[in-house]
Protein backbone atom coordinates (compact mmCIF):
# COMPACT_ATOMS: atom_id res chain seq x y z
CA MET A 1 -0.02 0.01 0.02
CA TYR A 2 1.43 3.35 -1.05
CA ILE A 3 0.20 6.72 0.17
CA ARG A 4 1.17 9.95 -1.48
CA LYS A 5 3.32 12.47 0.43
CA SER A 6 0.54 15.07 0.19
CA VAL A 7 -1.66 12.66 2.14
CA TYR A 8 0.54 11.05 4.76
CA LEU A 9 2.27 14.23 5.92
CA PRO A 10 -1.00 16.01 6.94
CA VAL A 11 -2.17 12.84 8.62
CA LEU A 12 1.09 12.58 10.51
CA TRP A 13 0.80 16.15 11.77
CA ILE A 14 -2.81 15.74 12.74
CA VAL A 15 -1.77 12.72 14.80
CA LEU A 16 1.12 14.66 16.45
CA LEU A 17 -0.93 17.79 17.12
CA THR A 18 -3.70 15.85 18.80
CA MET A 19 -1.62 13.17 20.57
CA PRO A 20 -1.87 14.59 24.10
CA TYR A 21 -5.64 14.38 23.86
CA TRP A 22 -6.08 10.83 22.61
CA ILE A 23 -3.07 9.14 24.25
CA THR A 24 -4.53 9.56 27.74
CA PRO A 25 -7.78 7.64 27.10
CA LEU A 26 -5.63 4.87 25.60
CA GLY A 27 -3.66 4.47 28.88
CA GLY A 28 -0.82 6.84 28.13
CA TYR A 29 0.09 10.27 29.45
CA THR A 30 1.43 13.60 28.11
CA GLY A 31 4.93 12.96 29.29
CA LEU A 32 5.03 9.70 27.25
CA ALA A 33 3.92 11.61 24.13
CA THR A 34 6.67 14.15 24.68
CA ARG A 35 9.19 11.36 25.16
CA VAL A 36 8.15 9.91 21.82
CA LEU A 37 8.93 13.20 20.14
CA VAL A 38 12.29 13.68 21.84
CA ILE A 39 13.54 10.13 21.30
CA GLY A 40 12.10 10.26 17.77
CA LEU A 41 14.20 13.38 17.09
CA ALA A 42 17.32 11.58 18.38
CA ALA A 43 16.52 8.60 16.13
CA MET A 44 16.03 10.89 13.12
CA ALA A 45 19.32 12.59 13.87
CA THR A 46 21.15 9.28 14.08
CA ASN A 47 19.54 8.13 10.86
CA LEU A 48 20.81 11.29 9.10
CA LEU A 49 24.20 9.64 9.37
CA ILE A 50 23.49 5.90 9.13
CA GLY A 51 20.56 5.86 6.73
CA HIS A 52 21.27 8.76 4.43
CA THR A 53 25.07 8.78 4.50
CA GLY A 54 25.70 5.08 5.00
CA VAL A 55 28.05 5.45 8.02
CA MET A 56 27.30 3.36 11.03
CA SER A 57 27.55 4.96 14.49
CA PHE A 58 26.91 3.49 17.91
CA GLY A 59 28.11 6.55 19.79
CA HIS A 60 25.41 9.16 19.29
CA ALA A 61 24.02 8.66 22.78
CA ALA A 62 27.28 10.31 24.04
CA TYR A 63 26.29 13.63 22.51
CA PHE A 64 22.66 13.12 23.50
CA GLY A 65 23.77 12.61 27.13
CA VAL A 66 26.41 15.34 27.06
CA ALA A 67 23.80 17.83 25.93
CA ALA A 68 21.46 16.64 28.67
CA TYR A 69 24.11 17.01 31.38
CA ALA A 70 25.28 20.39 30.06
CA THR A 71 21.68 21.65 30.09
CA GLY A 72 21.07 20.45 33.63
CA LEU A 73 24.39 21.73 34.96
CA THR A 74 23.81 25.15 33.42
CA LEU A 75 20.37 25.42 35.06
CA LYS A 76 21.68 24.11 38.39
CA TYR A 77 24.94 25.99 38.77
CA LEU A 78 25.23 28.79 36.22
CA VAL A 79 22.18 30.57 34.80
CA PRO A 80 18.50 29.95 35.84
CA SER A 81 17.39 30.39 32.23
CA THR A 82 15.82 27.58 30.21
CA PRO A 83 16.75 29.02 26.73
CA VAL A 84 20.37 29.64 27.82
CA ALA A 85 20.60 26.09 29.22
CA ILE A 86 19.28 24.58 26.05
CA LEU A 87 21.74 26.58 23.88
CA VAL A 88 24.66 25.62 26.11
CA GLY A 89 23.66 21.95 26.00
CA ILE A 90 23.31 22.00 22.19
CA ALA A 91 26.61 23.84 21.77
CA ILE A 92 28.61 21.50 23.97
CA GLY A 93 27.01 18.37 22.50
CA THR A 94 27.70 19.54 18.96
CA LEU A 95 31.25 20.56 19.74
CA CYS A 96 32.08 17.17 21.31
CA GLY A 97 30.58 15.46 18.26
CA ALA A 98 32.55 17.64 15.83
CA ILE A 99 35.85 16.94 17.64
CA ILE A 100 35.31 13.20 17.91
CA GLY A 101 34.14 13.05 14.30
CA TYR A 102 37.32 14.81 13.13
CA LEU A 103 39.43 12.27 15.00
CA ILE A 104 37.77 9.20 13.54
CA ILE A 105 36.70 10.39 10.09
CA ARG A 106 39.37 8.40 8.23
CA LEU A 107 38.07 5.09 9.58
CA ARG A 108 35.43 3.04 7.75
CA GLY A 109 33.09 0.19 8.36
CA ILE A 110 33.31 -1.75 11.60
CA TYR A 111 36.39 0.27 12.68
CA PHE A 112 34.39 3.51 12.52
CA ALA A 113 31.52 1.94 14.47
CA LEU A 114 33.89 0.58 17.16
CA ALA A 115 35.61 3.95 17.45
CA THR A 116 32.26 5.71 18.07
CA ILE A 117 31.50 3.17 20.85
CA ALA A 118 34.92 3.67 22.38
CA PHE A 119 34.71 7.43 22.51
CA GLY A 120 31.10 7.29 23.60
CA GLN A 121 32.01 5.07 26.53
CA VAL A 122 34.64 7.61 27.60
CA PHE A 123 31.88 10.18 28.13
CA TYR A 124 29.74 7.57 29.85
CA PHE A 125 32.42 6.65 32.43
CA ILE A 126 33.17 10.33 33.08
CA ALA A 127 29.53 10.85 33.91
CA PHE A 128 29.37 7.60 35.91
CA ARG A 129 32.49 8.31 38.00
CA TRP A 130 32.48 12.09 38.46
CA ASN A 131 30.13 12.03 41.41
CA ALA A 132 30.88 15.56 42.63
CA VAL A 133 29.61 17.12 39.42
CA THR A 134 27.36 14.62 37.62
CA GLY A 135 25.89 12.77 40.61
CA GLY A 136 27.48 9.55 39.44
CA ASP A 137 25.21 6.50 39.19
CA ASN A 138 22.38 8.44 40.86
CA GLY A 139 22.26 10.92 38.01
CA LEU A 140 22.05 14.74 37.98
CA ARG A 141 19.17 16.15 39.95
CA GLY A 142 18.26 19.50 41.51
CA PHE A 143 17.26 21.41 38.38
CA GLN A 144 13.97 22.01 36.59
CA ARG A 145 12.72 23.67 33.50
CA LEU A 146 11.62 27.25 34.06
CA PRO A 147 9.03 29.40 32.27
CA VAL A 148 10.37 31.15 29.17
CA ASP A 149 9.93 34.96 29.19
CA LEU A 150 10.00 36.34 25.63
CA GLY A 151 9.31 39.88 26.76
CA PHE A 152 5.94 40.25 25.08
CA MET A 153 4.73 36.90 26.50
CA LYS A 154 5.64 34.17 28.93
CA ILE A 155 5.57 30.45 27.99
CA ASP A 156 4.95 28.27 31.01
CA ILE A 157 6.80 25.14 29.95
CA THR A 158 6.48 23.74 33.46
CA SER A 159 3.09 22.54 32.20
CA SER A 160 3.39 19.11 30.56
CA LEU A 161 0.97 20.06 27.81
CA VAL A 162 2.74 23.33 27.02
CA TYR A 163 6.11 21.59 26.93
CA TYR A 164 4.78 18.95 24.59
CA TYR A 165 3.88 21.61 22.02
CA VAL A 166 7.22 23.43 22.47
CA VAL A 167 9.00 20.12 21.77
CA LEU A 168 6.74 19.57 18.80
CA ALA A 169 7.62 22.97 17.41
CA VAL A 170 11.33 22.25 17.83
CA LEU A 171 10.91 18.87 16.13
CA ALA A 172 9.16 20.55 13.19
CA ILE A 173 12.02 23.03 12.83
CA CYS A 174 14.61 20.31 12.99
CA ALA A 175 12.67 18.12 10.51
CA VAL A 176 12.49 21.01 7.99
CA ALA A 177 16.23 21.64 8.41
CA MET A 178 17.02 17.92 7.86
CA ALA A 179 14.78 17.87 4.75
CA LYS A 180 16.56 20.94 3.42
CA ILE A 181 19.96 19.31 4.00
CA LEU A 182 18.96 16.02 2.32
CA ASN A 183 17.36 17.74 -0.66
CA SER A 184 20.33 20.07 -1.18
CA PRO A 185 23.31 19.29 -3.47
CA PHE A 186 25.19 18.39 -0.25
CA GLY A 187 22.50 15.85 0.66
CA HIS A 188 22.58 14.36 -2.84
CA THR A 189 26.35 14.00 -2.48
CA LEU A 190 25.86 12.13 0.84
CA GLN A 191 23.56 9.76 -0.93
CA ALA A 192 26.18 9.23 -3.66
CA ILE A 193 28.73 8.46 -0.96
CA ARG A 194 26.29 5.99 0.61
CA GLU A 195 25.68 4.21 -2.63
CA ASN A 196 29.31 4.01 -3.82
CA GLU A 197 32.05 5.81 -1.89
CA ARG A 198 34.79 4.78 -4.29
CA ARG A 199 32.98 6.22 -7.27
CA ALA A 200 32.36 9.41 -5.35
CA GLN A 201 36.13 9.68 -4.73
CA PHE A 202 36.78 9.19 -8.44
CA LEU A 203 34.48 12.15 -9.05
CA SER A 204 36.80 14.25 -6.88
CA ILE A 205 34.25 14.58 -4.03
CA PRO A 206 36.01 15.27 -0.68
CA VAL A 207 34.46 12.26 0.97
CA ASN A 208 36.00 12.67 4.40
CA ARG A 209 34.95 16.32 4.66
CA HIS A 210 31.38 15.50 3.64
CA ILE A 211 31.06 12.68 6.13
CA TRP A 212 32.52 14.82 8.87
CA THR A 213 30.05 17.57 8.07
CA ALA A 214 27.19 15.06 8.09
CA TYR A 215 28.48 13.64 11.36
CA THR A 216 28.51 17.13 12.91
CA TRP A 217 25.00 17.97 11.72
CA SER A 218 23.80 14.65 13.05
CA CYS A 219 25.39 15.39 16.45
CA PHE A 220 23.80 18.83 16.43
CA PHE A 221 20.32 17.42 16.06
CA VAL A 222 20.88 14.67 18.63
CA ALA A 223 22.21 17.32 21.04
CA VAL A 224 18.95 19.24 20.56
CA ALA A 225 17.06 16.09 21.57
CA GLY A 226 19.38 15.56 24.55
CA ALA A 227 18.82 19.06 25.88
CA LEU A 228 15.04 18.65 25.54
CA TYR A 229 15.20 15.27 27.21
CA ALA A 230 16.98 16.66 30.30
CA LEU A 231 14.16 19.22 30.71
CA LEU A 232 11.46 16.63 30.16
CA ASN A 233 12.56 14.62 33.15
CA ASN A 234 14.37 17.35 35.09
CA PHE A 235 17.04 14.65 35.34
CA ALA A 236 20.11 13.43 33.47
CA SER A 237 21.37 9.85 33.82
CA PRO A 238 24.63 8.14 32.85
CA HIS A 239 22.42 5.67 30.89
CA ASP A 240 21.69 8.54 28.49
CA LEU A 241 25.31 8.30 27.30
CA ASP A 242 25.65 4.51 27.17
CA TRP A 243 26.22 2.78 23.88
CA THR A 244 23.09 0.69 24.40
CA GLN A 245 21.11 3.91 24.06
CA SER A 246 22.82 4.51 20.74
CA GLY A 247 21.83 0.97 19.76
CA ASP A 248 18.22 1.82 20.60
CA PHE A 249 18.41 4.85 18.26
CA VAL A 250 19.66 2.58 15.45
CA LEU A 251 17.01 0.01 16.25
CA MET A 252 14.24 2.67 15.97
CA ALA A 253 15.62 3.82 12.62
CA VAL A 254 15.65 0.27 11.20
CA ILE A 255 12.13 -0.48 12.46
CA GLY A 256 10.76 2.81 11.09
CA GLY A 257 12.70 2.94 7.86
CA MET A 258 16.28 4.05 7.34
CA ARG A 259 15.66 5.64 3.92
CA SER A 260 12.83 7.79 5.29
CA LEU A 261 13.04 11.12 7.07
CA TRP A 262 10.00 10.36 9.30
CA GLY A 263 10.52 6.63 9.56
CA PRO A 264 12.73 6.77 12.65
CA LEU A 265 10.03 8.80 14.43
CA LEU A 266 7.55 5.99 13.79
CA GLY A 267 10.12 3.43 14.99
CA ALA A 268 10.65 5.53 18.17
CA ALA A 269 6.91 5.66 18.82
CA ILE A 270 6.73 1.87 18.60
CA PHE A 271 9.79 1.37 20.78
CA VAL A 272 8.92 3.98 23.47
CA VAL A 273 5.32 2.90 23.80
CA ALA A 274 6.23 -0.78 23.85
CA GLN A 275 8.89 -0.11 26.50
CA ASP A 276 6.48 1.90 28.64
CA TYR A 277 3.68 -0.68 28.48
CA LEU A 278 5.61 -4.00 28.40
CA SER A 279 8.07 -3.03 31.14
CA GLY A 280 5.09 -2.74 33.48
CA VAL A 281 3.99 -6.24 32.53
CA THR A 282 7.30 -8.19 32.25
CA GLN A 283 10.98 -7.59 32.87
CA TYR A 284 11.64 -9.30 29.52
CA TRP A 285 10.04 -6.50 27.51
CA MET A 286 13.14 -6.18 25.31
CA PHE A 287 12.46 -9.72 23.96
CA PHE A 288 9.22 -8.50 22.40
CA VAL A 289 10.91 -5.36 20.98
CA GLY A 290 13.56 -7.67 19.52
CA MET A 291 10.90 -9.80 17.91
CA ILE A 292 9.41 -6.71 16.25
CA PHE A 293 12.90 -5.81 14.97
CA VAL A 294 13.41 -9.34 13.55
CA LEU A 295 10.00 -9.37 11.85
CA VAL A 296 10.62 -5.96 10.30
CA VAL A 297 14.08 -6.96 8.98
CA LEU A 298 12.73 -10.23 7.53
CA LEU A 299 9.37 -9.04 6.20
CA VAL A 300 9.75 -5.32 5.58
CA PRO A 301 13.36 -4.53 4.81
CA ARG A 302 12.60 -0.85 4.09
CA GLY A 303 10.99 -0.43 7.47
CA ILE A 304 7.39 0.29 8.40
CA ALA A 305 7.48 3.61 6.55
CA GLY A 306 8.25 1.69 3.41
CA LEU A 307 4.75 0.20 3.57
CA PHE A 308 3.13 3.60 3.12
CA GLN A 309 5.28 5.42 0.59
CA ARG A 310 7.08 4.59 -2.56
CA ASN A 311 9.91 7.06 -2.02
CA ALA A 312 10.46 7.74 1.67
CA SER A 313 11.55 11.28 2.33
């Protein structure tokens, strides 16, 4: 079954705009809906690299977590301003990603993936061991999102419903930016690198520079998600930086559709809702998520989004 882009995009946005109102009667809650958006943005950011550039990374949770910690630490110790905290979190997360990306950009295949895990675990152990600053295994607490004063109006993001729509607006902006990147000559070059890197080199395309730029953009968007995630929970945990979290992002992209812009968001919705529901029923909830992953890989190689569109975008 194929659905035109002009049909499925409006349907998608109607679902997202109304989610806080229909998820509660179904047994969910507004915070769960917000978590779907935030984790979905992180999965979309990861997929910008692995699905559209063809470079595998299992270290994106590091920048997700770094942004979360930087946001929380800014609110707790530096400036009691939500916008400033978000900007600091995004800047530090992106900077860390750009530096690590520059160091490993010459690696390829499994070596690149292993290097992302190695560097990601460095950030994880820093957060896990630096008790005086990060709270160690107990995580970072003692901060909370504050109302945003724009001068002419005040946005009370302490409200779960208001914060949901703020996150939705940020997701929309990031999605538009990703679409612009992918539809630009730079994005088409990334697709050429994904399909045949050697041929791209023969065409005199600076492959390493393009991959590093894509890596940095991907880290920027995942840092945005990390900053929003810290404010969602008013908490940052070392688990946010662990490589298993990166694996979850990849899993969501595969389930939703790696060649689709919106597919990872769909995969994140399935993963997050299944985790929230099944973890309350059984401690082996990951088994059922794994079964979903296996079935998608075997039966729908293009992901669930591939069922609804001919050319995922």
